[in-house]
Amino acid sequence: MNAPTPVERIVGPVIFLGAPGAGKGTQAKRIAERYGIPQISTGDILREHVSRGTALGRQAKEIMDRGELVSDKIVCDMVESRLSQADCDRGFILDGFPRTVEQAKWLDGVLAAKTFGGKHLPPIVIDFEVGYNQLLKRLTGRRTCPDCGKIFNVYSQPPRVPDTCDSCGAKLITRKDDTDEAIAVRLKSYEQQTKPLADYYRQQGRLRVVSGEQEADAVTKEVISAIEERSA
């Protein structure tokens, strides 16, 4: 009997941890494509529910319109609904969730009731480590195309023509959350709230630390190795 190809393999749950700018999104897209599993982010789920006008989406919109943060309960309900969909049956990548130890404990309960290929599988947790100065360089140098969404970096991946998208020619912008002040707030929030997750998963023996300062291909290779070890 032939071994399953990557897009047929039972992967199970994969969680990506790391500070803003650590490369989680880039790696999530690569791994999702290789294994044919969905990349799930709470931001995408939230926008989808709001655009569809679901009950959860309406609740979230009312809260956001007041300038308040959406509660853990609403976010968790949205995540649970998403994980119940058929495309998650072989596995999925959670990018940006959980953010707190409380959310991680809730997720453990959800996963305990879910099977992948008839098996209960604990998550593989990848923590992308990148030094503070490198994070600053990545975030302050990031430029985004408002039309096609392509992302550049003035230091490591500059456009061919300054401030101009290679793909569609639109003028590139700096996102509001990529200003120096916003970055400082985001990194402080990560240190205080999300980094304890690494300790939580380390104590459970689930954590795999990967240097996010390597070339992207080298990072992908390490992530694939962690997944292949578990699926074997």
Protein backbone atom coordinates (compact mmCIF):
# COMPACT_ATOMS: atom_id res chain seq x y z
CA MET A 1 0.00 0.00 0.00
CA ASN A 2 1.43 3.38 -0.99
CA ALA A 3 2.11 5.97 1.69
CA PRO A 4 -0.30 8.91 1.66
CA THR A 5 0.85 12.03 -0.15
CA PRO A 6 1.12 15.28 1.86
CA VAL A 7 -2.32 16.42 0.69
CA GLU A 8 -3.84 13.12 1.90
CA ARG A 9 -1.98 12.82 5.21
CA ILE A 10 -3.74 13.16 8.57
CA VAL A 11 -2.04 16.20 10.05
CA GLY A 12 -4.18 17.04 13.06
CA PRO A 13 -4.19 20.43 14.78
CA VAL A 14 -1.20 22.74 14.30
CA ILE A 15 -0.80 25.94 16.32
CA PHE A 16 1.59 28.73 15.34
CA LEU A 17 2.91 31.00 18.10
CA GLY A 18 5.17 34.00 17.67
CA ALA A 19 5.31 37.76 17.98
CA PRO A 20 3.97 40.07 15.27
CA GLY A 21 6.44 39.93 12.39
CA ALA A 22 7.76 36.46 13.27
CA GLY A 23 6.57 35.02 9.96
CA LYS A 24 3.58 32.96 11.11
CA GLY A 25 1.37 34.04 8.22
CA THR A 26 3.94 33.22 5.55
CA GLN A 27 4.62 29.78 7.00
CA ALA A 28 0.92 29.06 7.54
CA LYS A 29 0.21 29.64 3.86
CA ARG A 30 3.05 27.30 2.83
CA ILE A 31 2.03 24.50 5.19
CA ALA A 32 -1.67 24.84 4.34
CA GLU A 33 -0.87 24.49 0.64
CA ARG A 34 1.44 21.50 1.15
CA TYR A 35 -1.05 19.47 3.18
CA GLY A 36 -4.32 20.77 1.77
CA ILE A 37 -5.57 21.90 5.18
CA PRO A 38 -7.06 25.29 6.07
CA GLN A 39 -5.20 28.19 7.63
CA ILE A 40 -7.51 29.64 10.27
CA SER A 41 -7.13 33.08 11.80
CA THR A 42 -9.59 34.69 14.18
CA GLY A 43 -9.42 37.93 12.18
CA ASP A 44 -10.60 36.14 9.02
CA ILE A 45 -13.34 34.28 10.92
CA LEU A 46 -14.56 37.50 12.52
CA ARG A 47 -14.71 39.36 9.20
CA GLU A 48 -16.56 36.44 7.59
CA HIS A 49 -19.22 36.32 10.30
CA VAL A 50 -19.72 40.08 10.15
CA SER A 51 -19.97 40.11 6.34
CA ARG A 52 -22.43 37.18 6.36
CA GLY A 53 -24.52 38.78 9.09
CA THR A 54 -24.60 35.68 11.27
CA ALA A 55 -25.90 35.90 14.85
CA LEU A 56 -22.33 35.88 16.15
CA GLY A 57 -21.31 38.38 13.49
CA ARG A 58 -24.07 40.80 14.50
CA GLN A 59 -23.05 40.53 18.14
CA ALA A 60 -19.43 41.17 17.25
CA LYS A 61 -20.27 44.13 15.01
CA GLU A 62 -22.29 45.83 17.74
CA ILE A 63 -19.35 45.47 20.13
CA MET A 64 -16.78 46.70 17.58
CA ASP A 65 -19.01 49.64 16.60
CA ARG A 66 -18.83 50.73 20.24
CA GLY A 67 -15.03 50.60 20.00
CA GLU A 68 -14.79 47.65 22.38
CA LEU A 69 -12.96 44.32 22.08
CA VAL A 70 -14.94 41.24 21.10
CA SER A 71 -15.28 38.90 24.08
CA ASP A 72 -13.44 35.60 24.43
CA LYS A 73 -16.79 33.77 24.37
CA ILE A 74 -17.78 35.13 20.96
CA VAL A 75 -14.31 34.47 19.51
CA CYS A 76 -14.27 30.93 20.91
CA ASP A 77 -17.78 30.22 19.59
CA MET A 78 -16.64 31.33 16.14
CA VAL A 79 -13.52 29.15 16.31
CA GLU A 80 -15.50 26.10 17.45
CA SER A 81 -17.95 26.57 14.58
CA ARG A 82 -15.07 26.84 12.09
CA LEU A 83 -13.28 23.74 13.39
CA SER A 84 -16.46 21.67 12.94
CA GLN A 85 -16.40 22.19 9.16
CA ALA A 86 -15.47 19.30 6.87
CA ASP A 87 -12.23 20.85 5.57
CA CYS A 88 -10.79 20.55 9.10
CA ASP A 89 -11.27 16.77 9.27
CA ARG A 90 -7.61 15.97 8.43
CA GLY A 91 -6.18 18.93 10.30
CA PHE A 92 -5.83 22.70 10.32
CA ILE A 93 -3.44 25.51 11.21
CA LEU A 94 -4.43 28.03 13.86
CA ASP A 95 -2.62 31.31 13.21
CA GLY A 96 -3.11 33.84 16.02
CA PHE A 97 -5.27 31.64 18.25
CA PRO A 98 -5.13 30.88 21.11
CA ARG A 99 -3.77 34.18 22.45
CA THR A 100 -4.07 33.42 26.15
CA VAL A 101 -3.64 30.41 28.43
CA GLU A 102 -7.38 30.53 29.15
CA GLN A 103 -8.13 30.20 25.43
CA ALA A 104 -5.60 27.36 25.18
CA LYS A 105 -7.34 25.45 27.97
CA TRP A 106 -10.69 25.97 26.24
CA LEU A 107 -9.20 24.72 22.96
CA ASP A 108 -7.85 21.60 24.69
CA GLY A 109 -11.42 20.76 25.67
CA VAL A 110 -12.69 21.22 22.11
CA LEU A 111 -9.88 19.09 20.64
CA ALA A 112 -10.47 16.34 23.20
CA ALA A 113 -13.88 15.79 21.57
CA LYS A 114 -12.58 15.90 17.98
CA THR A 115 -10.98 13.08 16.00
CA PHE A 116 -8.69 13.10 12.97
CA GLY A 117 -8.76 9.92 10.95
CA GLY A 118 -10.44 8.23 13.90
CA LYS A 119 -7.75 9.36 16.37
CA HIS A 120 -7.57 12.02 19.05
CA LEU A 121 -4.49 14.10 18.29
CA PRO A 122 -3.04 16.83 20.54
CA PRO A 123 -1.82 19.93 18.74
CA ILE A 124 1.67 20.43 17.40
CA VAL A 125 2.70 23.87 18.66
CA ILE A 126 5.38 25.75 16.73
CA ASP A 127 6.89 28.82 18.41
CA PHE A 128 8.67 31.08 15.89
CA GLU A 129 11.42 32.91 17.78
CA VAL A 130 12.74 36.19 16.37
CA GLY A 131 14.85 38.79 18.20
CA TYR A 132 13.34 42.17 19.10
CA ASN A 133 15.53 44.21 16.73
CA GLN A 134 14.74 41.89 13.82
CA LEU A 135 11.01 42.14 14.57
CA LEU A 136 11.24 45.93 14.49
CA LYS A 137 13.02 45.85 11.15
CA ARG A 138 10.45 43.51 9.65
CA LEU A 139 7.46 45.48 10.91
CA THR A 140 8.67 49.04 10.31
CA GLY A 141 9.91 48.05 6.84
CA ARG A 142 6.65 46.41 5.79
CA ARG A 143 4.71 47.99 2.94
CA THR A 144 1.34 46.71 1.73
CA CYS A 145 -0.49 47.10 -1.58
CA PRO A 146 -4.02 48.38 -0.82
CA ASP A 147 -5.36 46.95 -4.10
CA CYS A 148 -3.99 43.40 -4.47
CA GLY A 149 -2.72 42.82 -0.91
CA LYS A 150 0.87 41.95 -1.89
CA ILE A 151 3.36 42.63 0.91
CA PHE A 152 6.89 44.03 0.53
CA ASN A 153 9.67 45.02 2.92
CA VAL A 154 11.96 47.95 2.19
CA TYR A 155 14.87 46.11 3.85
CA SER A 156 14.52 42.49 2.78
CA GLN A 157 12.04 42.39 -0.13
CA PRO A 158 11.77 45.86 -1.70
CA PRO A 159 9.58 46.57 -4.73
CA ARG A 160 11.35 47.09 -8.05
CA VAL A 161 10.13 50.69 -8.10
CA PRO A 162 10.11 52.46 -4.69
CA ASP A 163 6.65 52.67 -3.06
CA THR A 164 5.03 50.92 -6.04
CA CYS A 165 3.49 47.44 -6.18
CA ASP A 166 5.30 45.10 -8.61
CA SER A 167 2.06 43.29 -9.42
CA CYS A 168 -0.51 46.02 -10.04
CA GLY A 169 1.35 49.32 -9.88
CA ALA A 170 -0.62 50.74 -6.96
CA LYS A 171 1.08 53.02 -4.42
CA LEU A 172 2.19 51.01 -1.37
CA ILE A 173 1.09 52.02 2.10
CA THR A 174 2.28 51.55 5.68
CA ARG A 175 -0.44 49.94 7.76
CA LYS A 176 -1.58 51.83 10.85
CA ASP A 177 -0.44 48.98 13.08
CA ASP A 178 3.07 49.07 11.54
CA THR A 179 3.97 52.52 12.91
CA ASP A 180 6.65 52.70 15.63
CA GLU A 181 4.10 53.53 18.33
CA ALA A 182 1.68 50.76 17.33
CA ILE A 183 4.48 48.20 17.06
CA ALA A 184 5.69 48.96 20.59
CA VAL A 185 2.16 48.39 21.92
CA ARG A 186 1.72 45.14 19.95
CA LEU A 187 5.02 43.66 21.10
CA LYS A 188 4.37 44.61 24.73
CA SER A 189 0.93 43.01 24.53
CA TYR A 190 2.47 39.85 23.11
CA GLU A 191 5.05 39.63 25.89
CA GLN A 192 2.46 40.10 28.62
CA GLN A 193 -0.44 38.05 27.30
CA THR A 194 0.56 35.57 24.62
CA LYS A 195 4.12 34.51 25.45
CA PRO A 196 3.00 32.54 28.57
CA LEU A 197 1.36 30.17 26.08
CA ALA A 198 4.82 28.86 25.20
CA ASP A 199 5.35 27.85 28.83
CA TYR A 200 1.90 26.25 28.96
CA TYR A 201 2.56 24.08 25.91
CA ARG A 202 6.16 23.40 26.92
CA GLN A 203 4.96 21.91 30.19
CA GLN A 204 2.71 19.60 28.18
CA GLY A 205 5.60 18.51 25.95
CA ARG A 206 3.92 19.87 22.81
CA LEU A 207 6.16 22.86 22.02
CA ARG A 208 8.63 22.96 19.14
CA VAL A 209 10.78 26.10 18.94
CA VAL A 210 11.92 27.20 15.48
CA SER A 211 14.19 30.16 14.72
CA GLY A 212 12.21 32.53 12.57
CA GLU A 213 15.38 34.43 11.67
CA GLN A 214 16.41 31.77 9.16
CA GLU A 215 15.60 31.94 5.47
CA ALA A 216 11.91 31.17 4.91
CA ASP A 217 12.67 27.84 3.18
CA ALA A 218 14.72 26.65 6.16
CA VAL A 219 11.90 27.57 8.54
CA THR A 220 9.39 25.68 6.39
CA LYS A 221 11.65 22.62 6.40
CA GLU A 222 11.72 22.55 10.21
CA VAL A 223 7.95 22.95 10.46
CA ILE A 224 7.39 20.11 7.98
CA SER A 225 9.80 17.94 9.98
CA ALA A 226 7.79 18.49 13.16
CA ILE A 227 4.55 17.59 11.39
CA GLU A 228 6.02 14.54 9.67
CA GLU A 229 7.40 13.22 12.97
CA ARG A 230 3.96 13.35 14.58
CA SER A 231 2.08 11.95 11.58
CA ALA A 232 4.58 9.08 11.31
